[in-house]
Amino acid sequence: FFFQAEDGIRDAQESRGLGDVYKRQGQYNSMAGVLRDKNNPVVFFDITIGGFPAGRIKMELFADVVPKTAENFRQLCTGEFKKYGKPMGYKDCALHRVIKDFMIQGGDFIKGDGTGSISIYGETFEDENFMLKHEDPGTLSMANCGSNTNGCQFFITCKKCEWLDSKHVVFGKIIDNASLQTVRKIENTPVDANNKPKLAIVVAECGEL
C-alpha cells in the first residue's frame, strides 16, 4: 500500500535541516488544539517504541467532510468493529513504515507488513472525496494501492505533502503539540533499508476521547 506516494519520497527528503524542522513545528503550533468542527470525534493512540511508552497522539477526525472515512477509522480505534464476534482494530498494531521528513504509516493489523486490508465496509471502500489537502505536518490520510482501495491503513505526514493531494483521502489531523512531538519521536526512529523501524513501534492502546 501507498505506492502512489513513492514518487514523492525524493521530494520529501530534500529538506532535512534543523531550521526547516523548527519552521514546520512553529507552523503547526499556530493551529494546535483547534478543532475544525467541535462535533468531530477525537481519537487517540498511546504509542510504545521498543516496548517503552513514547507518548500519545490525539487526532481529530473530519466527519464534517468525510464522514464515511472518519467513521471507519473511529471504529477501528474503539474496537466497535467486530469480525466473527472478535473486536478488530488498531490496538497492538505496529507502525510498519517510517520515512523521515515525509510520513509514518501503520494500520495493517491483518498482515502487519503493509499488504493487508480490511474496513468496516468490506475489504476496501471508495475514495470519499479529495476536498482536504496535505497542507501541514500531522495530517491524517488514507494509504492505498490505487483509486478506491481504502481499508485500514493510514499515514500521518511529517511535513506538507502537496504531491499526495487528490490521490489520498485526508480525513483528520493531530491536534496538539504533545501529539506532534510523539510523531517526531516515531519519525526519528532508526529504520532498515525498506523503511521498517528497527524498534517495534506499537499502538499499545487506542480509543475515543
N, C-alpha and C. Protein backbone atom coordinates (compact mmCIF):
# COMPACT_ATOMS: atom_id res chain seq x y z
N PHE A 1 0.83 -1.20 0.00
CA PHE A 1 0.00 0.00 0.00
C PHE A 1 0.87 1.25 0.00
N PHE A 2 0.31 2.35 -0.52
CA PHE A 2 0.94 3.65 -0.53
C PHE A 2 1.83 3.86 -1.74
N PHE A 3 1.68 3.04 -2.80
CA PHE A 3 2.59 3.17 -3.93
C PHE A 3 2.46 4.50 -4.63
N GLN A 4 1.31 5.16 -4.55
CA GLN A 4 1.14 6.43 -5.23
C GLN A 4 2.08 7.50 -4.70
N ALA A 5 2.55 7.33 -3.48
CA ALA A 5 3.42 8.34 -2.87
C ALA A 5 4.90 8.12 -3.18
N GLU A 6 5.24 7.01 -3.80
CA GLU A 6 6.65 6.69 -3.97
C GLU A 6 7.40 7.78 -4.72
N ASP A 7 6.76 8.40 -5.73
CA ASP A 7 7.44 9.43 -6.49
C ASP A 7 7.74 10.65 -5.63
N GLY A 8 7.03 10.80 -4.52
CA GLY A 8 7.25 11.95 -3.67
C GLY A 8 8.32 11.77 -2.63
N ILE A 9 8.85 10.57 -2.46
CA ILE A 9 9.84 10.32 -1.41
C ILE A 9 11.08 11.17 -1.65
N ARG A 10 11.54 11.24 -2.89
CA ARG A 10 12.73 12.03 -3.18
C ARG A 10 12.50 13.50 -2.86
N ASP A 11 11.29 14.00 -3.23
CA ASP A 11 10.97 15.38 -2.92
C ASP A 11 10.93 15.61 -1.42
N ALA A 12 10.40 14.64 -0.69
CA ALA A 12 10.25 14.78 0.75
C ALA A 12 11.59 14.81 1.45
N GLN A 13 12.58 14.18 0.89
CA GLN A 13 13.87 14.06 1.55
C GLN A 13 14.81 15.22 1.24
N GLU A 14 14.34 16.20 0.46
CA GLU A 14 15.21 17.30 0.07
C GLU A 14 15.43 18.30 1.20
N SER A 15 14.46 18.40 2.14
CA SER A 15 14.59 19.38 3.23
C SER A 15 14.76 18.66 4.55
N ARG A 16 15.98 18.68 5.09
CA ARG A 16 16.27 17.92 6.30
C ARG A 16 16.92 18.78 7.39
N GLY A 17 17.14 20.08 7.15
CA GLY A 17 17.84 20.91 8.13
C GLY A 17 17.01 21.14 9.38
N LEU A 18 17.71 21.40 10.52
CA LEU A 18 17.01 21.67 11.77
C LEU A 18 16.15 22.91 11.65
N GLY A 19 16.63 23.91 10.94
CA GLY A 19 15.85 25.12 10.77
C GLY A 19 14.51 24.84 10.13
N ASP A 20 14.51 23.94 9.17
CA ASP A 20 13.26 23.59 8.49
C ASP A 20 12.32 22.86 9.43
N VAL A 21 12.88 21.98 10.30
CA VAL A 21 12.07 21.28 11.28
C VAL A 21 11.40 22.27 12.22
N TYR A 22 12.20 23.23 12.74
CA TYR A 22 11.63 24.22 13.66
C TYR A 22 10.58 25.07 12.97
N LYS A 23 10.80 25.40 11.73
CA LYS A 23 9.83 26.18 10.97
C LYS A 23 8.51 25.43 10.87
N ARG A 24 8.59 24.11 10.58
CA ARG A 24 7.37 23.32 10.45
C ARG A 24 6.66 23.21 11.80
N GLN A 25 7.43 23.05 12.89
CA GLN A 25 6.82 22.95 14.20
C GLN A 25 6.12 24.24 14.57
N GLY A 26 6.75 25.38 14.26
CA GLY A 26 6.12 26.66 14.54
C GLY A 26 4.84 26.84 13.76
N GLN A 27 4.84 26.38 12.51
CA GLN A 27 3.64 26.45 11.68
C GLN A 27 2.53 25.63 12.29
N TYR A 28 2.88 24.45 12.81
CA TYR A 28 1.85 23.62 13.41
C TYR A 28 1.34 24.22 14.72
N ASN A 29 2.24 24.82 15.53
CA ASN A 29 1.83 25.36 16.83
C ASN A 29 0.74 26.40 16.68
N SER A 30 0.72 27.09 15.55
CA SER A 30 -0.27 28.14 15.37
C SER A 30 -1.69 27.60 15.30
N MET A 31 -1.86 26.30 15.05
CA MET A 31 -3.21 25.74 14.97
C MET A 31 -3.43 24.65 16.00
N ALA A 32 -2.45 24.50 16.93
CA ALA A 32 -2.54 23.42 17.92
C ALA A 32 -3.77 23.56 18.80
N GLY A 33 -4.44 22.46 19.01
CA GLY A 33 -5.57 22.42 19.92
C GLY A 33 -6.87 22.94 19.34
N VAL A 34 -6.87 23.39 18.10
CA VAL A 34 -8.07 23.95 17.49
C VAL A 34 -8.74 22.90 16.63
N LEU A 35 -10.00 22.59 16.95
CA LEU A 35 -10.73 21.60 16.16
C LEU A 35 -11.36 22.27 14.95
N ARG A 36 -11.40 21.53 13.86
CA ARG A 36 -12.07 22.03 12.66
C ARG A 36 -13.56 22.20 12.92
N ASP A 37 -14.13 21.23 13.64
CA ASP A 37 -15.55 21.25 13.99
C ASP A 37 -15.69 20.65 15.38
N LYS A 38 -16.34 21.35 16.29
CA LYS A 38 -16.43 20.88 17.67
C LYS A 38 -17.20 19.57 17.80
N ASN A 39 -17.96 19.21 16.79
CA ASN A 39 -18.72 17.95 16.82
C ASN A 39 -17.96 16.78 16.23
N ASN A 40 -16.77 17.03 15.68
CA ASN A 40 -15.98 15.94 15.12
C ASN A 40 -15.43 15.05 16.24
N PRO A 41 -15.35 13.74 16.01
CA PRO A 41 -14.76 12.85 17.02
C PRO A 41 -13.26 13.09 17.17
N VAL A 42 -12.76 12.85 18.38
CA VAL A 42 -11.32 12.91 18.66
C VAL A 42 -10.91 11.54 19.21
N VAL A 43 -9.89 10.96 18.60
CA VAL A 43 -9.41 9.64 18.99
C VAL A 43 -7.95 9.74 19.40
N PHE A 44 -7.42 8.66 19.96
CA PHE A 44 -6.03 8.70 20.41
C PHE A 44 -5.33 7.37 20.19
N PHE A 45 -4.00 7.45 20.06
CA PHE A 45 -3.10 6.31 20.09
C PHE A 45 -2.12 6.54 21.24
N ASP A 46 -1.93 5.55 22.10
CA ASP A 46 -0.82 5.54 23.05
C ASP A 46 0.27 4.68 22.44
N ILE A 47 1.42 5.28 22.20
CA ILE A 47 2.49 4.65 21.43
C ILE A 47 3.61 4.13 22.33
N THR A 48 4.12 2.96 21.99
CA THR A 48 5.37 2.49 22.60
C THR A 48 6.40 2.31 21.49
N ILE A 49 7.66 2.58 21.84
CA ILE A 49 8.78 2.35 20.93
C ILE A 49 9.77 1.44 21.64
N GLY A 50 10.00 0.28 21.08
CA GLY A 50 10.88 -0.68 21.72
C GLY A 50 10.36 -1.15 23.07
N GLY A 51 9.05 -1.13 23.23
CA GLY A 51 8.43 -1.58 24.47
C GLY A 51 8.28 -0.52 25.54
N PHE A 52 8.77 0.71 25.26
CA PHE A 52 8.71 1.78 26.24
C PHE A 52 7.72 2.86 25.82
N PRO A 53 6.96 3.43 26.75
CA PRO A 53 5.99 4.48 26.40
C PRO A 53 6.67 5.65 25.70
N ALA A 54 6.06 6.12 24.60
CA ALA A 54 6.64 7.21 23.83
C ALA A 54 5.71 8.41 23.72
N GLY A 55 4.48 8.29 24.22
CA GLY A 55 3.57 9.42 24.16
C GLY A 55 2.25 9.08 23.52
N ARG A 56 1.37 10.05 23.54
CA ARG A 56 0.02 9.90 23.00
C ARG A 56 -0.14 10.78 21.76
N ILE A 57 -0.84 10.26 20.76
CA ILE A 57 -1.22 11.03 19.57
C ILE A 57 -2.73 11.22 19.60
N LYS A 58 -3.18 12.47 19.69
CA LYS A 58 -4.61 12.79 19.64
C LYS A 58 -4.95 13.30 18.24
N MET A 59 -6.03 12.79 17.68
CA MET A 59 -6.40 13.12 16.30
C MET A 59 -7.86 13.50 16.20
N GLU A 60 -8.12 14.61 15.54
CA GLU A 60 -9.49 14.96 15.17
C GLU A 60 -9.82 14.28 13.85
N LEU A 61 -10.98 13.65 13.77
CA LEU A 61 -11.43 13.01 12.53
C LEU A 61 -12.45 13.92 11.86
N PHE A 62 -12.25 14.19 10.57
CA PHE A 62 -13.06 15.18 9.86
C PHE A 62 -14.38 14.59 9.37
N ALA A 63 -15.22 14.22 10.33
CA ALA A 63 -16.54 13.66 9.98
C ALA A 63 -17.42 14.68 9.28
N ASP A 64 -17.10 15.96 9.43
CA ASP A 64 -17.89 17.00 8.77
C ASP A 64 -17.65 17.05 7.27
N VAL A 65 -16.53 16.46 6.81
CA VAL A 65 -16.19 16.49 5.38
C VAL A 65 -16.18 15.09 4.77
N VAL A 66 -15.61 14.13 5.49
CA VAL A 66 -15.51 12.74 5.01
C VAL A 66 -16.06 11.79 6.08
N PRO A 67 -17.36 11.80 6.30
CA PRO A 67 -17.94 11.03 7.41
C PRO A 67 -17.72 9.53 7.31
N LYS A 68 -17.75 8.98 6.11
CA LYS A 68 -17.58 7.54 5.94
C LYS A 68 -16.14 7.13 6.30
N THR A 69 -15.17 7.87 5.82
CA THR A 69 -13.77 7.57 6.10
C THR A 69 -13.46 7.76 7.58
N ALA A 70 -13.99 8.84 8.16
CA ALA A 70 -13.78 9.11 9.58
C ALA A 70 -14.38 8.01 10.45
N GLU A 71 -15.56 7.53 10.10
CA GLU A 71 -16.21 6.50 10.90
C GLU A 71 -15.47 5.18 10.83
N ASN A 72 -14.91 4.88 9.69
CA ASN A 72 -14.09 3.66 9.57
C ASN A 72 -12.92 3.71 10.55
N PHE A 73 -12.20 4.82 10.56
CA PHE A 73 -11.05 4.95 11.45
C PHE A 73 -11.49 4.95 12.92
N ARG A 74 -12.57 5.65 13.20
CA ARG A 74 -13.05 5.75 14.59
C ARG A 74 -13.37 4.37 15.15
N GLN A 75 -14.10 3.56 14.39
CA GLN A 75 -14.46 2.23 14.88
C GLN A 75 -13.25 1.31 15.02
N LEU A 76 -12.25 1.50 14.18
CA LEU A 76 -11.04 0.69 14.31
C LEU A 76 -10.20 1.14 15.52
N CYS A 77 -10.44 2.37 15.98
CA CYS A 77 -9.80 2.84 17.21
C CYS A 77 -10.52 2.35 18.46
N THR A 78 -11.83 2.26 18.41
CA THR A 78 -12.61 1.94 19.60
C THR A 78 -12.84 0.45 19.81
N GLY A 79 -12.63 -0.35 18.75
CA GLY A 79 -12.90 -1.79 18.86
C GLY A 79 -14.35 -2.13 18.60
N GLU A 80 -15.14 -1.16 18.16
CA GLU A 80 -16.56 -1.43 17.87
C GLU A 80 -16.72 -2.39 16.69
N PHE A 81 -15.81 -2.30 15.73
CA PHE A 81 -15.87 -3.19 14.58
C PHE A 81 -15.47 -4.60 15.00
N LYS A 82 -16.29 -5.56 14.66
CA LYS A 82 -16.02 -6.96 15.02
C LYS A 82 -16.15 -7.85 13.79
N LYS A 83 -15.36 -8.90 13.79
CA LYS A 83 -15.45 -9.93 12.76
C LYS A 83 -15.47 -11.27 13.45
N TYR A 84 -16.49 -12.06 13.15
CA TYR A 84 -16.70 -13.35 13.83
C TYR A 84 -16.79 -13.14 15.34
N GLY A 85 -17.37 -12.02 15.73
CA GLY A 85 -17.57 -11.72 17.13
C GLY A 85 -16.36 -11.20 17.87
N LYS A 86 -15.23 -11.05 17.17
CA LYS A 86 -13.99 -10.60 17.79
C LYS A 86 -13.69 -9.16 17.38
N PRO A 87 -13.43 -8.27 18.36
CA PRO A 87 -13.07 -6.89 18.01
C PRO A 87 -11.82 -6.85 17.14
N MET A 88 -11.84 -5.99 16.13
CA MET A 88 -10.69 -5.82 15.26
C MET A 88 -10.35 -4.34 15.18
N GLY A 89 -9.07 -4.04 15.17
CA GLY A 89 -8.69 -2.65 15.09
C GLY A 89 -7.23 -2.42 15.40
N TYR A 90 -6.92 -1.18 15.77
CA TYR A 90 -5.54 -0.74 15.85
C TYR A 90 -4.82 -1.09 17.16
N LYS A 91 -5.52 -1.53 18.17
CA LYS A 91 -4.85 -1.87 19.43
C LYS A 91 -3.83 -2.98 19.18
N ASP A 92 -2.61 -2.76 19.64
CA ASP A 92 -1.47 -3.68 19.49
C ASP A 92 -0.94 -3.77 18.06
N CYS A 93 -1.40 -2.87 17.19
CA CYS A 93 -0.92 -2.86 15.80
C CYS A 93 0.37 -2.05 15.71
N ALA A 94 1.30 -2.50 14.88
CA ALA A 94 2.58 -1.82 14.69
C ALA A 94 2.51 -0.81 13.56
N LEU A 95 3.28 0.26 13.69
CA LEU A 95 3.54 1.15 12.56
C LEU A 95 4.71 0.55 11.79
N HIS A 96 4.47 0.16 10.56
CA HIS A 96 5.42 -0.67 9.83
C HIS A 96 6.33 0.10 8.88
N ARG A 97 6.09 1.40 8.69
CA ARG A 97 6.87 2.15 7.70
C ARG A 97 7.09 3.58 8.18
N VAL A 98 8.34 4.01 8.21
CA VAL A 98 8.68 5.36 8.67
C VAL A 98 9.68 5.96 7.68
N ILE A 99 9.34 7.13 7.14
CA ILE A 99 10.25 7.84 6.24
C ILE A 99 10.43 9.25 6.78
N LYS A 100 11.61 9.53 7.28
CA LYS A 100 11.89 10.82 7.90
C LYS A 100 11.63 11.97 6.91
N ASP A 101 11.07 13.06 7.42
CA ASP A 101 10.71 14.22 6.61
C ASP A 101 9.64 13.91 5.57
N PHE A 102 8.88 12.85 5.79
CA PHE A 102 7.81 12.51 4.87
C PHE A 102 6.58 12.06 5.64
N MET A 103 6.59 10.81 6.17
CA MET A 103 5.38 10.32 6.82
C MET A 103 5.70 9.09 7.66
N ILE A 104 4.73 8.76 8.55
CA ILE A 104 4.75 7.49 9.29
C ILE A 104 3.48 6.74 8.91
N GLN A 105 3.59 5.44 8.70
CA GLN A 105 2.47 4.65 8.18
C GLN A 105 2.19 3.45 9.07
N GLY A 106 0.92 3.13 9.25
CA GLY A 106 0.53 1.97 10.04
C GLY A 106 -0.87 1.52 9.70
N GLY A 107 -1.43 0.71 10.60
CA GLY A 107 -2.83 0.29 10.44
C GLY A 107 -3.03 -1.09 9.89
N ASP A 108 -1.95 -1.77 9.47
CA ASP A 108 -2.13 -3.12 8.91
C ASP A 108 -2.14 -4.15 10.03
N PHE A 109 -3.29 -4.28 10.68
CA PHE A 109 -3.42 -5.29 11.73
C PHE A 109 -3.81 -6.65 11.16
N ILE A 110 -3.90 -6.76 9.84
CA ILE A 110 -4.20 -8.03 9.18
C ILE A 110 -2.92 -8.83 8.94
N LYS A 111 -1.95 -8.21 8.27
CA LYS A 111 -0.71 -8.91 7.94
C LYS A 111 0.53 -8.26 8.57
N GLY A 112 0.42 -7.01 8.94
CA GLY A 112 1.49 -6.34 9.63
C GLY A 112 2.63 -5.84 8.77
N ASP A 113 2.53 -6.00 7.46
CA ASP A 113 3.64 -5.62 6.59
C ASP A 113 3.26 -4.63 5.49
N GLY A 114 2.05 -4.10 5.56
CA GLY A 114 1.60 -3.15 4.55
C GLY A 114 0.85 -3.75 3.40
N THR A 115 0.55 -5.04 3.45
CA THR A 115 -0.18 -5.70 2.36
C THR A 115 -1.62 -6.06 2.75
N GLY A 116 -1.96 -5.92 4.03
CA GLY A 116 -3.29 -6.30 4.49
C GLY A 116 -4.31 -5.19 4.34
N SER A 117 -5.57 -5.57 4.18
CA SER A 117 -6.62 -4.57 4.04
C SER A 117 -7.95 -5.10 4.56
N ILE A 118 -8.63 -4.26 5.33
CA ILE A 118 -9.99 -4.52 5.76
C ILE A 118 -10.57 -3.18 6.19
N SER A 119 -11.88 -3.06 6.13
CA SER A 119 -12.56 -1.86 6.62
C SER A 119 -13.89 -2.28 7.21
N ILE A 120 -14.59 -1.36 7.84
CA ILE A 120 -15.89 -1.68 8.40
C ILE A 120 -16.93 -1.87 7.31
N TYR A 121 -16.55 -1.53 6.06
CA TYR A 121 -17.47 -1.65 4.92
C TYR A 121 -17.16 -2.86 4.04
N GLY A 122 -16.10 -3.57 4.33
CA GLY A 122 -15.65 -4.67 3.47
C GLY A 122 -14.14 -4.62 3.36
N GLU A 123 -13.58 -5.35 2.41
CA GLU A 123 -12.12 -5.37 2.28
C GLU A 123 -11.58 -3.99 1.97
N THR A 124 -12.25 -3.26 1.06
CA THR A 124 -11.86 -1.89 0.71
C THR A 124 -13.11 -1.05 0.54
N PHE A 125 -12.92 0.26 0.47
CA PHE A 125 -14.03 1.16 0.14
C PHE A 125 -13.51 2.32 -0.69
N GLU A 126 -14.44 3.04 -1.32
CA GLU A 126 -14.09 4.03 -2.32
C GLU A 126 -13.52 5.31 -1.70
N ASP A 127 -12.83 6.07 -2.55
CA ASP A 127 -12.36 7.41 -2.16
C ASP A 127 -13.58 8.30 -1.96
N GLU A 128 -13.74 8.83 -0.75
CA GLU A 128 -14.94 9.62 -0.45
C GLU A 128 -14.93 10.97 -1.15
N ASN A 129 -13.87 11.71 -1.00
CA ASN A 129 -13.63 12.94 -1.75
C ASN A 129 -12.20 13.40 -1.48
N PHE A 130 -11.77 14.40 -2.24
CA PHE A 130 -10.42 14.94 -2.07
C PHE A 130 -10.47 16.42 -1.73
N MET A 131 -11.48 16.81 -0.96
CA MET A 131 -11.66 18.21 -0.62
C MET A 131 -10.52 18.75 0.24
N LEU A 132 -10.01 17.93 1.14
CA LEU A 132 -8.97 18.37 2.06
C LEU A 132 -7.59 18.02 1.52
N LYS A 133 -6.61 18.84 1.86
CA LYS A 133 -5.27 18.72 1.29
C LYS A 133 -4.23 18.36 2.36
N HIS A 134 -3.08 17.89 1.89
CA HIS A 134 -1.96 17.53 2.77
C HIS A 134 -1.13 18.78 3.01
N GLU A 135 -1.68 19.71 3.79
CA GLU A 135 -1.12 21.05 3.91
C GLU A 135 -0.13 21.22 5.05
N ASP A 136 -0.20 20.37 6.07
CA ASP A 136 0.60 20.58 7.27
C ASP A 136 1.18 19.27 7.80
N PRO A 137 2.22 19.35 8.62
CA PRO A 137 2.63 18.16 9.36
C PRO A 137 1.50 17.76 10.30
N GLY A 138 1.35 16.45 10.50
CA GLY A 138 0.27 15.99 11.35
C GLY A 138 -1.03 15.73 10.63
N THR A 139 -1.03 15.78 9.31
CA THR A 139 -2.22 15.45 8.54
C THR A 139 -2.41 13.93 8.53
N LEU A 140 -3.65 13.50 8.76
CA LEU A 140 -4.00 12.08 8.79
C LEU A 140 -4.70 11.73 7.48
N SER A 141 -4.18 10.72 6.77
CA SER A 141 -4.66 10.42 5.43
C SER A 141 -4.66 8.91 5.21
N MET A 142 -5.45 8.47 4.22
CA MET A 142 -5.57 7.05 3.93
C MET A 142 -4.46 6.57 2.99
N ALA A 143 -3.80 5.48 3.39
CA ALA A 143 -2.89 4.79 2.48
C ALA A 143 -3.73 3.95 1.52
N ASN A 144 -3.22 3.73 0.33
CA ASN A 144 -3.97 2.93 -0.65
C ASN A 144 -3.02 2.30 -1.66
N CYS A 145 -3.57 1.51 -2.55
CA CYS A 145 -2.77 0.94 -3.65
C CYS A 145 -3.43 1.27 -4.97
N GLY A 146 -4.00 2.48 -5.05
CA GLY A 146 -4.70 2.92 -6.25
C GLY A 146 -6.04 3.50 -5.88
N SER A 147 -6.76 3.98 -6.87
CA SER A 147 -8.06 4.60 -6.63
C SER A 147 -9.04 3.62 -5.98
N ASN A 148 -9.79 4.12 -5.00
CA ASN A 148 -10.89 3.37 -4.38
C ASN A 148 -10.44 2.07 -3.72
N THR A 149 -9.27 2.10 -3.07
CA THR A 149 -8.76 0.90 -2.39
C THR A 149 -8.45 1.20 -0.91
N ASN A 150 -9.26 2.04 -0.29
CA ASN A 150 -9.06 2.36 1.12
C ASN A 150 -9.44 1.17 1.99
N GLY A 151 -8.70 0.99 3.08
CA GLY A 151 -9.01 -0.10 4.00
C GLY A 151 -8.76 0.32 5.43
N CYS A 152 -7.74 -0.28 6.05
CA CYS A 152 -7.40 0.04 7.43
C CYS A 152 -6.10 0.83 7.54
N GLN A 153 -5.31 0.90 6.47
CA GLN A 153 -4.00 1.54 6.57
C GLN A 153 -4.09 3.05 6.40
N PHE A 154 -3.25 3.75 7.13
CA PHE A 154 -3.25 5.21 7.18
C PHE A 154 -1.82 5.70 7.26
N PHE A 155 -1.65 7.01 7.10
CA PHE A 155 -0.36 7.62 7.37
C PHE A 155 -0.57 9.00 7.97
N ILE A 156 0.44 9.46 8.69
CA ILE A 156 0.46 10.80 9.25
C ILE A 156 1.66 11.52 8.66
N THR A 157 1.44 12.69 8.07
CA THR A 157 2.53 13.41 7.41
C THR A 157 3.45 14.07 8.43
N CYS A 158 4.71 14.23 8.03
CA CYS A 158 5.70 14.93 8.84
C CYS A 158 5.99 16.32 8.29
N LYS A 159 5.39 16.65 7.16
CA LYS A 159 5.57 17.96 6.52
C LYS A 159 4.45 18.12 5.50
N LYS A 160 4.38 19.26 4.87
CA LYS A 160 3.44 19.46 3.78
C LYS A 160 3.77 18.50 2.65
N CYS A 161 2.75 17.82 2.13
CA CYS A 161 2.96 16.81 1.07
C CYS A 161 1.95 17.03 -0.05
N GLU A 162 2.08 18.14 -0.74
CA GLU A 162 1.07 18.53 -1.73
C GLU A 162 0.98 17.56 -2.90
N TRP A 163 2.04 16.79 -3.17
CA TRP A 163 2.00 15.85 -4.30
C TRP A 163 1.05 14.68 -4.03
N LEU A 164 0.58 14.54 -2.79
CA LEU A 164 -0.37 13.48 -2.45
C LEU A 164 -1.83 13.92 -2.62
N ASP A 165 -2.03 15.23 -2.82
CA ASP A 165 -3.39 15.74 -2.97
C ASP A 165 -4.09 15.09 -4.16
N SER A 166 -5.36 14.76 -3.95
CA SER A 166 -6.22 14.13 -4.97
C SER A 166 -5.80 12.69 -5.30
N LYS A 167 -4.89 12.14 -4.49
CA LYS A 167 -4.50 10.74 -4.62
C LYS A 167 -4.83 9.95 -3.35
N HIS A 168 -4.78 10.63 -2.21
CA HIS A 168 -5.07 10.01 -0.92
C HIS A 168 -6.08 10.88 -0.18
N VAL A 169 -7.04 10.24 0.49
CA VAL A 169 -8.12 10.95 1.16
C VAL A 169 -7.66 11.44 2.53
N VAL A 170 -7.60 12.75 2.71
CA VAL A 170 -7.30 13.35 4.02
C VAL A 170 -8.57 13.27 4.87
N PHE A 171 -8.43 12.77 6.12
CA PHE A 171 -9.63 12.63 6.95
C PHE A 171 -9.41 13.04 8.40
N GLY A 172 -8.26 13.67 8.71
CA GLY A 172 -8.06 14.10 10.08
C GLY A 172 -6.74 14.83 10.25
N LYS A 173 -6.45 15.20 11.51
CA LYS A 173 -5.20 15.86 11.85
C LYS A 173 -4.90 15.61 13.33
N ILE A 174 -3.62 15.70 13.70
CA ILE A 174 -3.28 15.67 15.12
C ILE A 174 -3.56 17.06 15.69
N ILE A 175 -3.89 17.13 16.98
CA ILE A 175 -4.50 18.37 17.48
C ILE A 175 -3.68 19.12 18.53
N ASP A 176 -2.52 18.63 18.93
CA ASP A 176 -1.75 19.41 19.89
C ASP A 176 -0.26 19.14 19.72
N ASN A 177 0.54 20.00 20.36
CA ASN A 177 1.99 19.90 20.19
C ASN A 177 2.56 18.63 20.80
N ALA A 178 1.97 18.17 21.90
CA ALA A 178 2.44 16.92 22.51
C ALA A 178 2.29 15.75 21.53
N SER A 179 1.20 15.75 20.78
CA SER A 179 1.00 14.71 19.76
C SER A 179 2.03 14.83 18.65
N LEU A 180 2.32 16.06 18.25
CA LEU A 180 3.34 16.28 17.23
C LEU A 180 4.70 15.76 17.69
N GLN A 181 5.02 15.99 18.96
CA GLN A 181 6.30 15.52 19.49
C GLN A 181 6.37 13.99 19.47
N THR A 182 5.25 13.33 19.71
CA THR A 182 5.23 11.86 19.63
C THR A 182 5.47 11.41 18.20
N VAL A 183 4.86 12.11 17.24
CA VAL A 183 5.09 11.80 15.83
C VAL A 183 6.56 11.99 15.49
N ARG A 184 7.19 13.05 16.02
CA ARG A 184 8.62 13.30 15.74
C ARG A 184 9.50 12.18 16.32
N LYS A 185 9.14 11.65 17.48
CA LYS A 185 9.89 10.52 18.05
C LYS A 185 9.81 9.33 17.11
N ILE A 186 8.61 9.06 16.59
CA ILE A 186 8.45 7.95 15.65
C ILE A 186 9.25 8.21 14.38
N GLU A 187 9.15 9.42 13.88
CA GLU A 187 9.83 9.81 12.64
C GLU A 187 11.34 9.60 12.73
N ASN A 188 11.90 9.79 13.92
CA ASN A 188 13.35 9.71 14.11
C ASN A 188 13.82 8.35 14.61
N THR A 189 12.93 7.36 14.62
CA THR A 189 13.32 6.00 14.97
C THR A 189 14.16 5.39 13.84
N PRO A 190 15.26 4.75 14.14
CA PRO A 190 16.08 4.13 13.08
C PRO A 190 15.28 3.11 12.28
N VAL A 191 15.54 3.06 10.98
CA VAL A 191 14.84 2.13 10.08
C VAL A 191 15.85 1.36 9.25
N ASP A 192 15.38 0.25 8.66
CA ASP A 192 16.24 -0.52 7.77
C ASP A 192 16.12 0.00 6.33
N ALA A 193 16.70 -0.72 5.39
CA ALA A 193 16.72 -0.27 4.00
C ALA A 193 15.33 -0.20 3.38
N ASN A 194 14.36 -0.88 3.98
CA ASN A 194 12.99 -0.86 3.47
C ASN A 194 12.07 0.06 4.28
N ASN A 195 12.68 0.92 5.08
CA ASN A 195 11.95 1.89 5.91
C ASN A 195 11.13 1.24 7.01
N LYS A 196 11.47 0.01 7.38
CA LYS A 196 10.83 -0.65 8.51
C LYS A 196 11.58 -0.27 9.78
N PRO A 197 10.86 0.18 10.81
CA PRO A 197 11.55 0.57 12.05
C PRO A 197 12.34 -0.59 12.65
N LYS A 198 13.54 -0.28 13.15
CA LYS A 198 14.37 -1.30 13.79
C LYS A 198 13.90 -1.61 15.20
N LEU A 199 13.13 -0.70 15.79
CA LEU A 199 12.47 -0.92 17.07
C LEU A 199 10.97 -1.00 16.82
N ALA A 200 10.30 -1.90 17.50
CA ALA A 200 8.85 -2.03 17.31
C ALA A 200 8.14 -0.76 17.78
N ILE A 201 7.35 -0.17 16.89
CA ILE A 201 6.53 0.98 17.22
C ILE A 201 5.08 0.51 17.23
N VAL A 202 4.45 0.52 18.38
CA VAL A 202 3.17 -0.17 18.58
C VAL A 202 2.13 0.78 19.16
N VAL A 203 0.89 0.63 18.67
CA VAL A 203 -0.26 1.30 19.28
C VAL A 203 -0.68 0.43 20.47
N ALA A 204 -0.18 0.77 21.66
CA ALA A 204 -0.43 -0.04 22.83
C ALA A 204 -1.87 0.07 23.32
N GLU A 205 -2.46 1.24 23.10
CA GLU A 205 -3.85 1.47 23.48
C GLU A 205 -4.43 2.51 22.54
N CYS A 206 -5.71 2.44 22.30
CA CYS A 206 -6.36 3.44 21.43
C CYS A 206 -7.83 3.52 21.80
N GLY A 207 -8.47 4.58 21.37
CA GLY A 207 -9.88 4.75 21.69
C GLY A 207 -10.35 6.14 21.30
N GLU A 208 -11.52 6.51 21.80
CA GLU A 208 -12.14 7.81 21.52
C GLU A 208 -12.19 8.62 22.80
N LEU A 209 -11.86 9.91 22.68
CA LEU A 209 -11.89 10.80 23.84
C LEU A 209 -13.22 11.53 23.94
